[in-house]
Amino acid sequence: MRRTRLFVVVAIGLALVLVSPALRASAPQNPAQAQTLTGKGKAITIQDILTWKTMGVAVVSNDGKWLAYRVGQTEGDAEVFIRETRGDKEFKFGAGETGGNDVAFSDDSKFAAFSASPTKKEGEALKKQRRPSQNKVLLVDLATGKETVFEKMRRFAFSGESGRYLALHKYGADGAPSAGGGPAPAAAPPSGAPAASGASDRPKGSDLILRELAAGIELNVGNVSEFAFDRPGRRLAWVVDAADKSGNGVAVRELESGVVRSLDTDKANYERLSWTEKGDALAVLKGKEDKAYQDKLYSLVGVTFSGSGTPQTVVFDPTTDKGFPEGMTISVNRTPVWQQDLSAVLVGIQ
């Protein structure tokens, strides 16, 4: 966006020079005149504009002691700065050509993390080799400035208000997650021909690394396509999307005890995982193939948590509910949302 705006401004300026007789008469006729046009220095060129540095959105730690921000060029590599708000300590890290826009602090303000992309030079080499461009994640210990690098990570998140854990999601085998789609009725097949089958599904799961920040201990969970901490930081939920839908489902780990529970499992694809604000319930959509449709038909999985008791799971399938609008189905394009009193879940339909 920033680059586009800069070029628009330049284009408008050039148009004025071309159409205005007054500006044409005063325009410099040679480089020497161009250098003295402003009386001091030299005229601004496109190359000057491309090397201008801009600062991204600044993030402040919860204790107010740290400030983090990204500084980048219109074309070129960026840097991430993490500095004390009341002191002289400052850490500087390379963030690649497009990285560093997702700087975050742990809730206890002891760690910071951000994504770093390949540098401009590395990106050009990868493009020539037809290899995917993959980010890495840098974890910074604010007490020492020590950085820990995690290669080939497409997303990270701290564990909500607890601040004890960092989750890191690796790229899939093809270098990027594949996109899902919503259900659409198939065209009627010719007489005697079978109905259209579901769209081919490549498994979207990849490794999820759960790191305990204080101890540096890591746990690897395989075949994860989505994950989310609850806001209080008590639980981590994830969706499994494996080859042949083997073991697909949604699971949750109690971070204090380490207990892992499978909440629902099926030969289906689970998508749009979401928690309530309090972390007392989650919802996810479950899509299954139907030969009468080109794409999957979705049902809703809702799970509530009460204290340390066993989670309660409820599945709503619109195909078995006579009160559901005829010719409609649950839309995968909207994330399900619990009402605050947990009396209902809001979903989109199409």
Protein backbone atom coordinates (compact mmCIF):
# COMPACT_ATOMS: atom_id res chain seq x y z
CA MET A 1 0.00 0.00 0.00
CA ARG A 2 2.71 2.46 0.94
CA ARG A 3 4.61 1.90 -2.29
CA THR A 4 1.51 2.43 -4.38
CA ARG A 5 0.75 5.75 -2.74
CA LEU A 6 4.27 7.01 -3.31
CA PHE A 7 4.15 6.21 -7.01
CA VAL A 8 0.72 7.85 -7.35
CA VAL A 9 2.10 11.08 -5.88
CA VAL A 10 5.06 11.00 -8.26
CA ALA A 11 2.80 10.33 -11.25
CA ILE A 12 0.60 13.30 -10.37
CA GLY A 13 3.64 15.53 -10.06
CA LEU A 14 4.88 14.50 -13.48
CA ALA A 15 1.46 15.11 -15.01
CA LEU A 16 1.47 18.67 -13.70
CA VAL A 17 4.86 19.32 -15.29
CA LEU A 18 3.55 18.10 -18.63
CA VAL A 19 0.29 20.04 -18.73
CA SER A 20 1.19 23.34 -17.04
CA PRO A 21 2.86 25.95 -19.33
CA ALA A 22 4.10 27.84 -16.28
CA LEU A 23 5.79 24.79 -14.90
CA ARG A 24 7.17 23.91 -18.36
CA ALA A 25 8.78 27.33 -18.65
CA SER A 26 10.47 27.04 -15.27
CA ALA A 27 11.51 23.40 -15.61
CA PRO A 28 15.30 22.84 -15.52
CA GLN A 29 16.85 22.00 -18.88
CA ASN A 30 19.92 20.12 -17.66
CA PRO A 31 21.16 18.18 -14.59
CA ALA A 32 23.08 21.17 -13.27
CA GLN A 33 19.90 23.24 -13.16
CA ALA A 34 18.04 20.34 -11.53
CA GLN A 35 20.61 20.20 -8.72
CA THR A 36 20.23 23.91 -7.97
CA LEU A 37 16.46 24.12 -8.43
CA THR A 38 15.77 24.18 -4.69
CA GLY A 39 18.76 26.39 -3.96
CA LYS A 40 20.40 23.72 -1.81
CA GLY A 41 21.31 20.10 -2.42
CA LYS A 42 19.91 18.20 -5.39
CA ALA A 43 16.51 17.28 -6.78
CA ILE A 44 14.74 14.22 -5.32
CA THR A 45 14.85 11.18 -7.58
CA ILE A 46 12.84 7.97 -7.70
CA GLN A 47 15.83 6.16 -6.18
CA ASP A 48 15.78 8.58 -3.25
CA ILE A 49 12.11 7.81 -2.65
CA LEU A 50 12.70 4.04 -2.75
CA THR A 51 15.32 4.33 0.01
CA TRP A 52 13.16 6.44 2.35
CA LYS A 53 12.58 4.71 5.67
CA THR A 54 9.24 4.53 7.42
CA MET A 55 8.28 3.26 10.87
CA GLY A 56 5.53 0.73 11.30
CA VAL A 57 3.04 0.46 14.16
CA ALA A 58 4.74 0.64 17.57
CA VAL A 59 3.89 -1.94 20.26
CA VAL A 60 4.37 -1.38 23.99
CA SER A 61 4.86 -4.19 26.51
CA ASN A 62 2.25 -4.64 29.25
CA ASP A 63 4.55 -3.25 31.94
CA GLY A 64 5.30 -0.21 29.79
CA LYS A 65 9.05 -0.76 29.93
CA TRP A 66 9.60 -1.82 26.31
CA LEU A 67 8.76 -0.38 22.91
CA ALA A 68 9.04 -2.37 19.67
CA TYR A 69 8.67 -1.16 16.10
CA ARG A 70 9.67 -1.97 12.53
CA VAL A 71 11.64 0.38 10.29
CA GLY A 72 11.67 -0.41 6.57
CA GLN A 73 12.30 1.04 3.15
CA THR A 74 9.92 1.33 0.23
CA GLU A 75 12.19 -1.20 -1.48
CA GLY A 76 14.75 -3.00 0.62
CA ASP A 77 15.20 -4.80 3.92
CA ALA A 78 13.62 -3.86 7.23
CA GLU A 79 14.82 -3.88 10.83
CA VAL A 80 13.01 -4.41 14.11
CA PHE A 81 13.98 -2.27 17.10
CA ILE A 82 13.16 -3.20 20.69
CA ARG A 83 14.16 -0.53 23.19
CA GLU A 84 13.57 0.52 26.76
CA THR A 85 11.10 3.35 27.29
CA ARG A 86 13.10 4.60 30.31
CA GLY A 87 16.66 3.62 29.62
CA ASP A 88 19.32 3.27 26.96
CA LYS A 89 19.06 -0.45 26.23
CA GLU A 90 18.16 -1.18 22.61
CA PHE A 91 18.14 -4.34 20.51
CA LYS A 92 18.16 -4.29 16.70
CA PHE A 93 17.39 -7.25 14.42
CA GLY A 94 17.18 -7.80 10.68
CA ALA A 95 13.62 -8.59 9.58
CA GLY A 96 14.04 -9.20 5.84
CA GLU A 97 12.20 -7.41 3.07
CA THR A 98 8.63 -7.74 4.38
CA GLY A 99 8.96 -9.18 7.90
CA GLY A 100 8.65 -7.67 11.35
CA ASN A 101 5.08 -6.43 11.05
CA ASP A 102 3.77 -8.77 13.77
CA VAL A 103 5.96 -7.85 16.75
CA ALA A 104 4.41 -9.07 20.02
CA PHE A 105 5.33 -9.21 23.70
CA SER A 106 4.53 -12.01 26.10
CA ASP A 107 1.93 -10.97 28.67
CA ASP A 108 4.52 -10.94 31.47
CA SER A 109 6.77 -8.63 29.36
CA LYS A 110 9.75 -10.99 29.57
CA PHE A 111 9.89 -11.97 25.90
CA ALA A 112 9.25 -10.49 22.48
CA ALA A 113 8.78 -12.27 19.15
CA PHE A 114 8.34 -11.36 15.50
CA SER A 115 8.46 -12.89 12.02
CA ALA A 116 11.36 -12.21 9.68
CA SER A 117 11.13 -12.78 5.94
CA PRO A 118 14.00 -13.51 3.53
CA THR A 119 16.05 -10.46 2.60
CA LYS A 120 15.55 -8.81 -0.78
CA LYS A 121 18.62 -10.61 -2.12
CA GLU A 122 17.52 -13.96 -0.71
CA GLY A 123 14.00 -13.46 -2.06
CA GLU A 124 15.28 -12.81 -5.58
CA ALA A 125 17.42 -15.96 -5.42
CA LEU A 126 14.46 -18.06 -4.21
CA LYS A 127 12.31 -16.71 -7.03
CA LYS A 128 14.91 -17.69 -9.62
CA GLN A 129 15.12 -21.17 -8.09
CA ARG A 130 11.31 -21.40 -7.98
CA ARG A 131 11.43 -22.17 -4.28
CA PRO A 132 8.85 -20.89 -1.76
CA SER A 133 9.69 -17.87 0.37
CA GLN A 134 9.31 -18.86 4.03
CA ASN A 135 9.49 -16.75 7.15
CA LYS A 136 11.30 -17.48 10.38
CA VAL A 137 10.39 -16.40 13.91
CA LEU A 138 12.80 -14.65 16.28
CA LEU A 139 12.21 -14.98 20.02
CA VAL A 140 14.01 -12.38 22.16
CA ASP A 141 14.75 -12.70 25.89
CA LEU A 142 14.37 -9.09 27.03
CA ALA A 143 16.54 -9.58 30.11
CA THR A 144 19.60 -10.52 28.05
CA GLY A 145 18.80 -9.65 24.44
CA LYS A 146 19.47 -13.26 23.45
CA GLU A 147 17.63 -14.29 20.30
CA THR A 148 16.40 -17.77 19.41
CA VAL A 149 15.60 -18.38 15.74
CA PHE A 150 12.95 -20.81 14.53
CA GLU A 151 13.22 -21.48 10.81
CA LYS A 152 10.32 -22.07 8.42
CA MET A 153 7.54 -20.79 10.68
CA ARG A 154 4.40 -19.25 9.24
CA ARG A 155 2.75 -18.14 12.48
CA PHE A 156 3.39 -17.74 16.19
CA ALA A 157 1.37 -16.78 19.28
CA PHE A 158 2.02 -16.27 22.99
CA SER A 159 -0.24 -18.06 25.47
CA GLY A 160 -2.60 -15.27 26.36
CA GLU A 161 -2.53 -13.80 29.86
CA SER A 162 -0.37 -16.56 31.33
CA GLY A 163 2.65 -15.69 29.15
CA ARG A 164 4.25 -19.06 29.86
CA TYR A 165 4.24 -20.54 26.37
CA LEU A 166 4.94 -19.72 22.76
CA ALA A 167 3.29 -21.71 19.94
CA LEU A 168 5.02 -21.85 16.56
CA HIS A 169 3.32 -23.25 13.46
CA LYS A 170 5.54 -24.60 10.71
CA TYR A 171 4.87 -24.47 6.98
CA GLY A 172 3.34 -27.51 5.30
CA ALA A 173 5.16 -29.74 2.85
CA ASP A 174 4.35 -27.42 -0.06
CA GLY A 175 5.55 -24.32 1.79
CA ALA A 176 2.13 -22.78 2.43
CA PRO A 177 -1.32 -23.78 3.70
CA SER A 178 -3.98 -24.47 1.11
CA ALA A 179 -7.22 -22.52 1.12
CA GLY A 180 -10.57 -24.02 2.03
CA GLY A 181 -13.87 -23.38 0.32
CA GLY A 182 -17.54 -23.28 1.17
CA PRO A 183 -20.22 -25.69 0.00
CA ALA A 184 -21.90 -25.09 -3.35
CA PRO A 185 -24.56 -27.32 -4.91
CA ALA A 186 -23.35 -29.39 -7.83
CA ALA A 187 -24.94 -29.14 -11.24
CA ALA A 188 -27.36 -31.97 -11.92
CA PRO A 189 -25.44 -34.87 -13.50
CA PRO A 190 -26.56 -36.44 -16.76
CA SER A 191 -28.99 -39.34 -16.48
CA GLY A 192 -27.20 -42.41 -15.20
CA ALA A 193 -24.04 -40.51 -14.28
CA PRO A 194 -22.79 -40.27 -10.68
CA ALA A 195 -23.13 -37.01 -8.77
CA ALA A 196 -20.10 -34.75 -8.54
CA SER A 197 -17.71 -35.79 -5.82
CA GLY A 198 -16.15 -33.48 -3.23
CA ALA A 199 -13.22 -31.34 -4.23
CA SER A 200 -9.83 -32.96 -3.80
CA ASP A 201 -8.46 -32.22 -0.33
CA ARG A 202 -4.79 -32.02 0.37
CA PRO A 203 -4.05 -32.33 4.08
CA LYS A 204 -3.27 -28.89 5.51
CA GLY A 205 -1.70 -30.05 8.76
CA SER A 206 1.90 -29.35 9.74
CA ASP A 207 3.99 -29.40 12.92
CA LEU A 208 3.04 -27.17 15.85
CA ILE A 209 5.81 -26.46 18.36
CA LEU A 210 4.76 -25.59 21.91
CA ARG A 211 7.67 -24.02 23.79
CA GLU A 212 7.71 -23.41 27.54
CA LEU A 213 9.51 -20.09 27.65
CA ALA A 214 11.19 -20.24 31.07
CA ALA A 215 12.61 -23.75 30.66
CA GLY A 216 13.05 -23.79 26.88
CA ILE A 217 11.32 -27.19 26.71
CA GLU A 218 9.46 -27.93 23.46
CA LEU A 219 6.61 -30.24 22.49
CA ASN A 220 5.83 -31.15 18.87
CA VAL A 221 2.22 -31.76 17.82
CA GLY A 222 1.84 -33.10 14.28
CA ASN A 223 -0.71 -32.51 11.50
CA VAL A 224 -2.07 -29.22 12.91
CA SER A 225 -3.94 -26.90 10.53
CA GLU A 226 -5.23 -24.35 13.06
CA PHE A 227 -4.48 -23.52 16.68
CA ALA A 228 -5.56 -20.97 19.30
CA PHE A 229 -4.84 -20.22 22.95
CA ASP A 230 -7.73 -19.10 25.11
CA ARG A 231 -7.28 -15.55 26.37
CA PRO A 232 -6.59 -16.49 30.02
CA GLY A 233 -3.83 -18.82 28.80
CA ARG A 234 -5.20 -21.93 30.47
CA ARG A 235 -5.71 -24.01 27.33
CA LEU A 236 -4.39 -24.54 23.81
CA ALA A 237 -6.78 -25.94 21.19
CA TRP A 238 -5.82 -27.23 17.77
CA VAL A 239 -7.32 -28.81 14.68
CA VAL A 240 -5.83 -31.97 13.16
CA ASP A 241 -5.86 -32.27 9.35
CA ALA A 242 -3.93 -35.38 8.31
CA ALA A 243 -3.55 -37.51 5.20
CA ASP A 244 -6.66 -39.57 4.44
CA LYS A 245 -8.36 -37.67 7.30
CA SER A 246 -6.79 -40.17 9.67
CA GLY A 247 -7.34 -38.88 13.19
CA ASN A 248 -8.86 -35.60 12.04
CA GLY A 249 -10.57 -33.66 14.79
CA VAL A 250 -10.20 -30.96 17.42
CA ALA A 251 -8.23 -31.37 20.65
CA VAL A 252 -7.30 -29.27 23.66
CA ARG A 253 -4.35 -29.30 26.06
CA GLU A 254 -4.68 -28.11 29.65
CA LEU A 255 -1.48 -26.10 29.97
CA GLU A 256 -1.20 -26.40 33.76
CA SER A 257 -1.58 -30.18 33.95
CA GLY A 258 -0.49 -31.17 30.44
CA VAL A 259 -3.66 -33.26 29.97
CA VAL A 260 -4.73 -33.56 26.31
CA ARG A 261 -8.37 -34.23 25.43
CA SER A 262 -9.88 -35.10 22.07
CA LEU A 263 -13.09 -33.10 21.79
CA ASP A 264 -14.39 -34.42 18.47
CA THR A 265 -12.97 -36.68 15.77
CA ASP A 266 -14.34 -37.73 12.39
CA LYS A 267 -13.47 -38.34 8.74
CA ALA A 268 -14.00 -34.65 8.14
CA ASN A 269 -12.24 -31.30 7.83
CA TYR A 270 -12.36 -28.95 10.82
CA GLU A 271 -12.07 -25.20 10.28
CA ARG A 272 -12.65 -21.76 11.85
CA LEU A 273 -11.57 -22.59 15.41
CA SER A 274 -12.52 -19.84 17.90
CA TRP A 275 -12.61 -19.26 21.68
CA THR A 276 -14.92 -17.14 23.79
CA GLU A 277 -13.44 -14.07 25.48
CA LYS A 278 -13.37 -15.84 28.87
CA GLY A 279 -12.00 -19.11 27.48
CA ASP A 280 -14.98 -21.07 28.81
CA ALA A 281 -16.10 -22.37 25.40
CA LEU A 282 -14.87 -22.91 21.86
CA ALA A 283 -16.50 -23.56 18.51
CA VAL A 284 -15.34 -25.03 15.21
CA LEU A 285 -16.95 -26.00 11.91
CA LYS A 286 -16.83 -29.59 10.65
CA GLY A 287 -17.07 -30.23 6.90
CA LYS A 288 -17.92 -33.58 5.31
CA GLU A 289 -18.20 -34.65 1.70
CA ASP A 290 -21.65 -35.12 0.15
CA LYS A 291 -21.95 -36.64 -3.34
CA ALA A 292 -24.86 -34.33 -4.15
CA TYR A 293 -22.64 -31.26 -3.74
CA GLN A 294 -19.38 -30.08 -5.22
CA ASP A 295 -18.03 -28.97 -1.85
CA LYS A 296 -18.32 -30.02 1.77
CA LEU A 297 -21.41 -29.57 3.92
CA TYR A 298 -20.66 -28.13 7.36
CA SER A 299 -21.95 -28.76 10.84
CA LEU A 300 -21.10 -26.98 14.09
CA VAL A 301 -19.09 -28.37 17.00
CA GLY A 302 -19.49 -26.45 20.27
CA VAL A 303 -17.55 -27.24 23.44
CA THR A 304 -18.04 -25.74 26.91
CA PHE A 305 -15.64 -25.94 29.88
CA SER A 306 -16.77 -25.73 33.49
CA GLY A 307 -13.99 -25.52 36.06
CA SER A 308 -11.87 -28.66 36.04
CA GLY A 309 -14.72 -30.88 34.89
CA THR A 310 -14.97 -32.82 31.63
CA PRO A 311 -15.69 -30.58 28.62
CA GLN A 312 -19.19 -30.90 27.16
CA THR A 313 -19.33 -31.30 23.36
CA VAL A 314 -22.43 -30.69 21.26
CA VAL A 315 -22.65 -31.17 17.47
CA PHE A 316 -25.30 -29.42 15.39
CA ASP A 317 -25.88 -30.88 11.91
CA PRO A 318 -28.31 -28.79 9.84
CA THR A 319 -29.12 -31.74 7.56
CA THR A 320 -30.88 -33.46 10.48
CA ASP A 321 -32.75 -30.38 11.73
CA LYS A 322 -36.16 -29.91 10.04
CA GLY A 323 -36.30 -26.33 11.30
CA PHE A 324 -33.18 -25.27 9.42
CA PRO A 325 -33.93 -23.17 6.29
CA GLU A 326 -34.48 -25.38 3.26
CA GLY A 327 -31.78 -25.15 0.61
CA MET A 328 -29.32 -23.54 3.05
CA THR A 329 -26.27 -24.81 4.90
CA ILE A 330 -23.74 -23.50 7.41
CA SER A 331 -21.19 -21.21 5.74
CA VAL A 332 -17.49 -21.90 6.23
CA ASN A 333 -16.79 -18.26 5.33
CA ARG A 334 -17.82 -17.00 8.78
CA THR A 335 -16.25 -17.89 12.12
CA PRO A 336 -18.76 -19.26 14.67
CA VAL A 337 -19.25 -17.06 17.74
CA TRP A 338 -20.67 -18.06 21.13
CA GLN A 339 -23.12 -15.72 22.82
CA GLN A 340 -21.79 -14.36 26.11
CA ASP A 341 -24.12 -16.47 28.26
CA LEU A 342 -23.24 -19.63 26.27
CA SER A 343 -26.90 -20.15 25.38
CA ALA A 344 -26.27 -20.25 21.61
CA VAL A 345 -23.66 -20.05 18.88
CA LEU A 346 -23.97 -17.64 15.96
CA VAL A 347 -23.05 -19.04 12.54
CA GLY A 348 -23.31 -17.85 8.96
CA ILE A 349 -25.54 -19.70 6.49
CA GLN A 350 -25.56 -19.80 2.71
